Protein backbone atom coordinates (compact mmCIF):
# COMPACT_ATOMS: atom_id res chain seq x y z
CA UNK A 1 24.55 93.11 89.69
CA UNK A 2 25.97 95.71 87.36
CA UNK A 3 24.18 98.50 89.25
CA UNK A 4 26.46 97.89 92.23
CA UNK A 5 29.64 98.35 90.21
CA UNK A 6 29.58 102.16 90.31
CA UNK A 7 27.52 103.23 93.32
CA UNK A 8 28.68 106.85 93.09
CA UNK A 9 28.27 107.35 89.37
CA UNK A 10 25.54 109.73 88.22
CA UNK A 11 24.35 110.38 91.78
CA UNK A 12 22.28 113.50 91.18
CA UNK A 13 18.76 113.14 89.87
CA UNK A 14 17.60 115.78 87.38
CA UNK A 15 16.19 118.81 89.19
CA UNK A 16 17.44 117.61 92.56
CA UNK A 17 21.19 117.95 92.07
CA UNK A 18 21.47 120.79 94.57
CA UNK A 19 19.88 118.96 97.54
CA UNK A 20 22.41 117.76 100.06
CA UNK A 21 22.34 116.67 103.68
CA UNK A 22 25.32 117.88 105.67
CA UNK A 23 26.50 115.89 108.69
CA UNK A 24 29.20 117.45 110.88
CA UNK A 25 31.12 115.00 113.05
CA UNK A 26 33.62 115.73 115.80
CA UNK A 27 37.11 114.97 114.53
CA UNK A 28 38.46 114.35 118.03
CA UNK A 29 35.94 111.52 118.49
CA UNK A 30 36.57 110.18 114.99
CA UNK A 31 40.19 109.58 116.03
CA UNK A 32 39.54 108.26 119.52
CA UNK A 33 36.29 106.26 119.35
CA UNK A 34 35.76 102.96 117.54
CA UNK A 35 34.79 103.56 113.91
CA UNK A 36 31.39 101.89 114.31
CA UNK A 37 30.48 104.14 117.24
CA UNK A 38 31.39 107.25 115.24
CA UNK A 39 29.39 106.10 112.21
CA UNK A 40 26.41 105.40 114.48
CA UNK A 41 26.51 108.98 115.80
CA UNK A 42 26.34 110.35 112.27
CA UNK A 43 23.49 108.00 111.39
CA UNK A 44 21.56 109.06 114.49
CA UNK A 45 22.00 112.76 113.68
CA UNK A 46 21.04 112.37 110.01
CA UNK A 47 17.94 110.37 110.86
CA UNK A 48 16.97 112.79 113.64
CA UNK A 49 17.23 115.76 111.26
CA UNK A 50 15.22 114.01 108.54
CA UNK A 51 12.56 112.87 111.03
CA UNK A 52 12.25 116.26 112.72
CA UNK A 53 11.75 117.94 109.34
CA UNK A 54 9.97 115.14 107.48
CA UNK A 55 7.16 117.42 106.30
CA UNK A 56 9.51 119.90 104.61
CA UNK A 57 9.36 119.61 100.80
CA UNK A 58 13.18 119.46 100.51
CA UNK A 59 13.32 116.54 102.96
CA UNK A 60 10.57 114.68 101.12
CA UNK A 61 12.25 115.24 97.75
CA UNK A 62 15.64 114.19 99.14
CA UNK A 63 14.30 110.98 100.67
CA UNK A 64 12.51 110.15 97.43
CA UNK A 65 15.88 110.18 95.64
CA UNK A 66 16.78 106.81 97.17
CA UNK A 67 20.24 105.81 95.99
CA UNK A 68 20.81 109.28 94.51
CA UNK A 69 20.78 111.02 97.90
CA UNK A 70 23.87 113.18 98.48
CA UNK A 71 25.33 113.43 101.96
CA UNK A 72 28.46 115.39 102.83
CA UNK A 73 30.27 114.53 106.06
CA UNK A 74 32.35 117.35 107.50
CA UNK A 75 34.60 117.56 110.54
CA UNK A 76 34.40 119.92 113.50
CA UNK A 77 37.59 119.77 115.59
CA UNK A 78 35.89 119.35 118.98
CA UNK A 79 32.69 119.73 120.97
CA UNK A 80 33.09 123.51 121.41
CA UNK A 81 33.31 124.09 117.66
CA UNK A 82 30.30 121.81 117.06
CA UNK A 83 28.22 123.69 119.64
CA UNK A 84 29.34 127.03 118.14
CA UNK A 85 28.25 125.86 114.69
CA UNK A 86 24.86 124.80 116.09
CA UNK A 87 24.40 128.31 117.51
CA UNK A 88 25.28 129.93 114.17
CA UNK A 89 22.80 127.66 112.38
CA UNK A 90 20.14 128.53 114.94
CA UNK A 91 20.78 132.27 114.51
CA UNK A 92 20.30 131.89 110.75
CA UNK A 93 17.14 129.72 111.13
CA UNK A 94 18.79 126.72 109.48
CA UNK A 95 17.02 123.48 110.44
CA UNK A 96 19.38 121.03 112.10
CA UNK A 97 19.62 118.53 114.93
CA UNK A 98 22.50 118.08 117.36
CA UNK A 99 23.02 114.48 118.43
CA UNK A 100 23.86 114.28 122.12
CA UNK A 101 25.14 110.95 123.40
CA UNK A 102 23.57 109.80 126.66
CA UNK A 103 24.19 109.28 129.52
CA UNK A 104 27.40 111.29 128.95
CA UNK A 105 25.39 114.29 127.68
CA UNK A 106 28.08 114.91 125.04
CA UNK A 107 27.30 116.57 121.70
CA UNK A 108 28.87 114.23 119.15
CA UNK A 109 27.65 115.54 115.81
CA UNK A 110 24.94 117.49 114.07
CA UNK A 111 23.04 117.14 110.84
CA UNK A 112 21.10 119.62 108.79
CA UNK A 113 17.88 118.62 107.11
CA UNK A 114 18.43 118.34 103.37
CA UNK A 115 18.96 121.76 101.80
CA UNK A 116 19.94 123.18 98.44
CA UNK A 117 23.69 123.54 98.85
CA UNK A 118 23.70 127.25 98.04
CA UNK A 119 21.39 128.02 101.00
CA UNK A 120 23.71 126.63 103.68
CA UNK A 121 27.22 126.18 102.31
CA UNK A 122 28.44 129.59 103.50
CA UNK A 123 27.93 128.50 107.13
CA UNK A 124 29.85 125.25 106.64
CA UNK A 125 32.72 126.23 104.35
CA UNK A 126 35.30 126.47 107.16
CA UNK A 127 34.83 122.76 107.93
CA UNK A 128 36.80 120.20 105.94
CA UNK A 129 35.62 116.79 104.81
CA UNK A 130 35.94 114.16 107.53
CA UNK A 131 38.95 111.93 106.89
């Protein structure tokens, strides 16, 4: 189908362009774990954040966007930096979920509920895109 040819074209819906869900992955795991395992951690965190905050209007609007949802995946260097970010987000009352892999009890990533970018970007700007 022609719609599949450009999946990233015109991604933002009118009036919803600013909503984004940030997922912050650990870069050390991204380079040492199998790719599928790392992707699964990010999926778990994103779903956990959306589920935990499913009644928030921003989450509802974001999920209603379907294929126009915008997700940005950032990289924290290691577990300590991920935990430090979680604490900063908590201090600023920014809704997020930390995904902790069991039984290892290791924080692997975190995801914010969908937010307008301008409300949260200042807390995330030191993190680069995951590569």
